[in-house]
Protein backbone atom coordinates (compact mmCIF):
# COMPACT_ATOMS: atom_id res chain seq x y z
CA UNK A 1 0.00 0.00 0.00
CA UNK A 2 2.96 2.33 -0.39
CA UNK A 3 1.33 4.32 -3.20
CA UNK A 4 -1.87 4.59 -1.17
CA UNK A 5 0.23 6.06 1.65
CA UNK A 6 1.72 8.56 -0.79
CA UNK A 7 -1.71 9.51 -2.13
CA UNK A 8 -3.11 9.95 1.39
CA UNK A 9 -0.21 12.22 2.25
CA UNK A 10 -0.48 14.38 -0.89
CA UNK A 11 -4.28 14.60 -0.71
CA UNK A 12 -4.01 15.67 2.91
CA UNK A 13 -1.87 18.66 1.93
CA UNK A 14 -4.83 20.01 -0.10
CA UNK A 15 -2.57 22.41 -2.00
CA UNK A 16 -1.63 23.06 -5.60
CA UNK A 17 0.42 22.89 -7.62
CA UNK A 18 1.62 19.77 -5.82
CA UNK A 19 5.36 20.10 -5.33
CA UNK A 20 7.30 17.20 -6.78
CA UNK A 21 10.77 18.07 -5.54
CA UNK A 22 11.05 18.19 -1.78
CA UNK A 23 7.49 16.96 -1.12
CA UNK A 24 6.41 14.03 -3.31
CA UNK A 25 9.91 12.66 -3.86
CA UNK A 26 10.81 12.89 -0.17
CA UNK A 27 7.70 10.90 0.74
CA UNK A 28 8.46 8.31 -1.97
CA UNK A 29 12.00 8.12 -0.62
CA UNK A 30 10.70 7.41 2.88
CA UNK A 31 8.15 4.84 1.70
CA UNK A 32 10.54 2.89 -0.50
CA UNK A 33 13.70 3.07 1.59
CA UNK A 34 15.79 4.87 -1.01
CA UNK A 35 18.73 6.99 0.04
CA UNK A 36 18.79 9.56 -2.76
CA UNK A 37 16.68 10.72 -5.70
CA UNK A 38 18.35 12.55 -8.58
CA UNK A 39 16.81 14.43 -11.52
CA UNK A 40 19.06 14.44 -14.56
CA UNK A 41 18.30 16.36 -17.79
CA UNK A 42 19.62 14.41 -20.79
CA UNK A 43 19.42 14.30 -24.57
CA UNK A 44 16.63 11.89 -25.53
CA UNK A 45 14.78 11.19 -28.74
CA UNK A 46 11.27 12.42 -27.75
CA UNK A 47 9.68 10.14 -30.34
CA UNK A 48 10.97 7.19 -28.33
CA UNK A 49 11.03 8.37 -24.72
CA UNK A 50 10.55 11.56 -22.71
CA UNK A 51 12.14 10.07 -19.63
CA UNK A 52 13.13 6.94 -17.78
CA UNK A 53 14.18 5.71 -14.39
CA UNK A 54 17.45 4.10 -13.42
CA UNK A 55 17.96 2.58 -10.00
CA UNK A 56 21.44 1.81 -8.78
CA UNK A 57 23.52 1.16 -5.72
CA UNK A 58 26.95 2.64 -5.22
CA UNK A 59 29.50 3.05 -2.47
CA UNK A 60 30.44 6.63 -1.65
CA UNK A 61 33.50 5.71 0.39
CA UNK A 62 35.35 2.46 1.07
CA UNK A 63 33.74 0.32 3.77
CA UNK A 64 30.54 2.37 3.72
CA UNK A 65 27.20 0.72 3.14
CA UNK A 66 25.88 0.89 -0.39
CA UNK A 67 23.74 3.92 -1.25
CA UNK A 68 20.46 3.20 -3.08
CA UNK A 69 19.80 5.85 -5.69
CA UNK A 70 16.85 6.45 -7.98
CA UNK A 71 17.88 8.53 -10.98
CA UNK A 72 15.10 10.16 -12.99
CA UNK A 73 16.37 11.05 -16.45
CA UNK A 74 14.22 13.37 -18.53
CA UNK A 75 14.45 15.02 -21.95
CA UNK A 76 16.19 18.33 -21.26
CA UNK A 77 13.95 20.36 -23.58
CA UNK A 78 10.66 19.59 -21.80
CA UNK A 79 8.67 22.58 -20.55
CA UNK A 80 7.93 22.77 -16.82
CA UNK A 81 4.44 21.15 -16.78
CA UNK A 82 5.50 18.22 -18.98
CA UNK A 83 8.75 17.82 -17.06
CA UNK A 84 6.83 17.64 -13.78
CA UNK A 85 4.50 14.99 -15.15
CA UNK A 86 7.24 12.92 -16.80
CA UNK A 87 9.43 13.02 -13.69
CA UNK A 88 6.49 12.18 -11.41
CA UNK A 89 5.44 9.31 -13.68
CA UNK A 90 8.98 7.88 -13.67
CA UNK A 91 9.22 8.35 -9.92
CA UNK A 92 6.12 6.16 -9.53
CA UNK A 93 8.18 3.27 -10.91
CA UNK A 94 9.91 3.25 -7.52
CA UNK A 95 6.84 1.27 -6.40
CA UNK A 96 7.31 -1.38 -9.13
CA UNK A 97 7.69 -5.02 -8.26
CA UNK A 98 10.82 -6.81 -9.59
CA UNK A 99 8.76 -8.24 -12.48
CA UNK A 100 7.60 -4.75 -13.48
CA UNK A 101 11.03 -3.13 -13.56
CA UNK A 102 12.63 -2.36 -16.91
CA UNK A 103 16.12 -3.00 -15.58
CA UNK A 104 17.94 -4.51 -18.56
CA UNK A 105 18.51 -3.68 -22.21
CA UNK A 106 16.49 -6.72 -23.27
CA UNK A 107 13.51 -5.73 -21.12
CA UNK A 108 13.73 -2.15 -22.37
CA UNK A 109 13.61 -3.32 -25.99
CA UNK A 110 10.65 -5.54 -25.17
CA UNK A 111 8.81 -2.62 -23.58
CA UNK A 112 9.44 -0.36 -26.58
CA UNK A 113 8.10 -3.09 -28.85
CA UNK A 114 4.95 -3.41 -26.74
CA UNK A 115 4.44 0.36 -26.69
CA UNK A 116 4.71 0.47 -30.47
CA UNK A 117 2.37 -2.51 -30.96
CA UNK A 118 0.35 -3.05 -27.77
CA UNK A 119 -0.78 -6.56 -26.92
CA UNK A 120 -4.22 -7.42 -25.53
CA UNK A 121 -4.37 -6.74 -21.79
CA UNK A 122 -4.14 -10.40 -20.80
CA UNK A 123 -0.93 -10.78 -22.84
CA UNK A 124 0.74 -7.52 -21.83
CA UNK A 125 3.93 -7.83 -19.82
CA UNK A 126 4.06 -6.57 -16.21
CA UNK A 127 6.38 -3.81 -17.50
CA UNK A 128 3.78 -2.55 -19.98
CA UNK A 129 1.02 -2.71 -17.37
CA UNK A 130 3.24 -0.68 -15.07
CA UNK A 131 3.70 1.97 -17.77
CA UNK A 132 -0.04 2.53 -17.94
CA UNK A 133 -0.51 2.43 -14.18
CA UNK A 134 2.30 4.88 -13.39
CA UNK A 135 0.77 7.50 -15.71
CA UNK A 136 -2.38 7.37 -13.65
CA UNK A 137 -0.43 7.30 -10.40
CA UNK A 138 1.28 10.53 -11.50
CA UNK A 139 -2.08 12.07 -12.42
CA UNK A 140 -3.55 11.17 -9.01
CA UNK A 141 -0.46 12.50 -7.28
CA UNK A 142 -0.28 15.84 -9.11
CA UNK A 143 -4.05 16.29 -8.98
CA UNK A 144 -5.37 14.45 -5.91
CA UNK A 145 -9.11 14.28 -5.29
CA UNK A 146 -9.45 17.33 -3.01
CA UNK A 147 -7.65 19.49 -5.59
CA UNK A 148 -9.70 18.07 -8.47
CA UNK A 149 -12.88 18.83 -6.52
CA UNK A 150 -11.96 22.52 -6.46
CA UNK A 151 -11.66 22.77 -10.22
CA UNK A 152 -14.19 20.25 -11.54
CA UNK A 153 -17.37 22.37 -11.07
CA UNK A 154 -15.72 25.42 -12.65
CA UNK A 155 -14.38 23.33 -15.53
CA UNK A 156 -17.74 21.65 -16.13
CA UNK A 157 -19.43 25.08 -16.16
CA UNK A 158 -16.88 26.33 -18.72
CA UNK A 159 -15.75 28.97 -16.26
CA UNK A 160 -12.22 27.59 -16.50
CA UNK A 161 -10.61 26.23 -19.67
CA UNK A 162 -8.26 23.28 -19.98
CA UNK A 163 -5.41 25.76 -20.30
CA UNK A 164 -6.38 27.68 -17.16
CA UNK A 165 -6.67 24.53 -15.04
CA UNK A 166 -3.37 23.21 -16.42
CA UNK A 167 -1.73 26.53 -15.57
CA UNK A 168 -2.96 26.35 -11.97
CA UNK A 169 -1.86 22.74 -11.52
CA UNK A 170 1.33 23.06 -13.58
CA UNK A 171 0.60 19.92 -15.56
CA UNK A 172 0.27 19.35 -19.34
CA UNK A 173 -2.90 20.82 -20.85
CA UNK A 174 -3.85 17.62 -22.78
CA UNK A 175 -4.09 15.82 -19.42
CA UNK A 176 -6.94 17.99 -18.12
CA UNK A 177 -9.80 16.34 -20.04
CA UNK A 178 -8.60 12.96 -18.78
CA UNK A 179 -8.38 14.11 -15.17
CA UNK A 180 -11.80 15.76 -15.28
CA UNK A 181 -13.47 12.74 -16.90
CA UNK A 182 -15.17 9.88 -15.07
CA UNK A 183 -12.14 7.76 -15.97
CA UNK A 184 -10.36 9.49 -13.06
CA UNK A 185 -12.95 8.15 -10.63
CA UNK A 186 -12.83 4.64 -12.10
CA UNK A 187 -9.04 4.52 -11.87
CA UNK A 188 -9.16 6.00 -8.37
CA UNK A 189 -11.38 3.09 -7.29
CA UNK A 190 -8.89 0.60 -8.76
CA UNK A 191 -5.68 2.14 -7.40
CA UNK A 192 -6.95 3.61 -4.13
CA UNK A 193 -10.56 2.63 -3.40
CA UNK A 194 -11.06 0.70 -0.19
CA UNK A 195 -7.29 0.42 0.23
CA UNK A 196 -7.40 3.88 1.77
CA UNK A 197 -9.90 2.65 4.39
CA UNK A 198 -7.70 -0.38 5.06
CA UNK A 199 -4.72 1.93 5.57
CA UNK A 200 -6.68 4.06 8.05
CA UNK A 201 -7.78 0.98 10.01
CA UNK A 202 -4.18 -0.22 10.26
CA UNK A 203 -3.05 3.00 11.92
């Protein structure tokens, strides 16, 4: 329930735009036991990938314990809203199971092949399923329910445009219609749903 714990934390802040660096990433760090999280702008072919995650362990000094690092690499020419979403989406991979991690060249090539020609859901690899899920995890994180509730009535009444909501939330404009649709609620039920109640009861 680590992601549920993250969502509960972010939703409880009831603020926007949700801060990725220093807020979301620090909570992910605490929940997943990582030592450091780095954001690294790099040259990427945006037709292939806007960003990816690399997890590694290294030893700072001889005889020290290994440091567990999550490195978020993103295309250096992304604007701020898209960079926030891409980095948040990649950060959500910190919650992946070993089967879902794209941690080898062979698995990366397999994932690219699946993205280009998606398989039916029942045949999709755990890596591909994780790609879809982490996009929604990022959407729920950067626009948690209490924040969405502030904007939804105004958006539905055409008092705020997609652009204006995106500007307030500092997320990509094309994402707004998705977040404001009933798909958000359906995915919320799948990813969070009664798990949030279970988390509260375990406290």
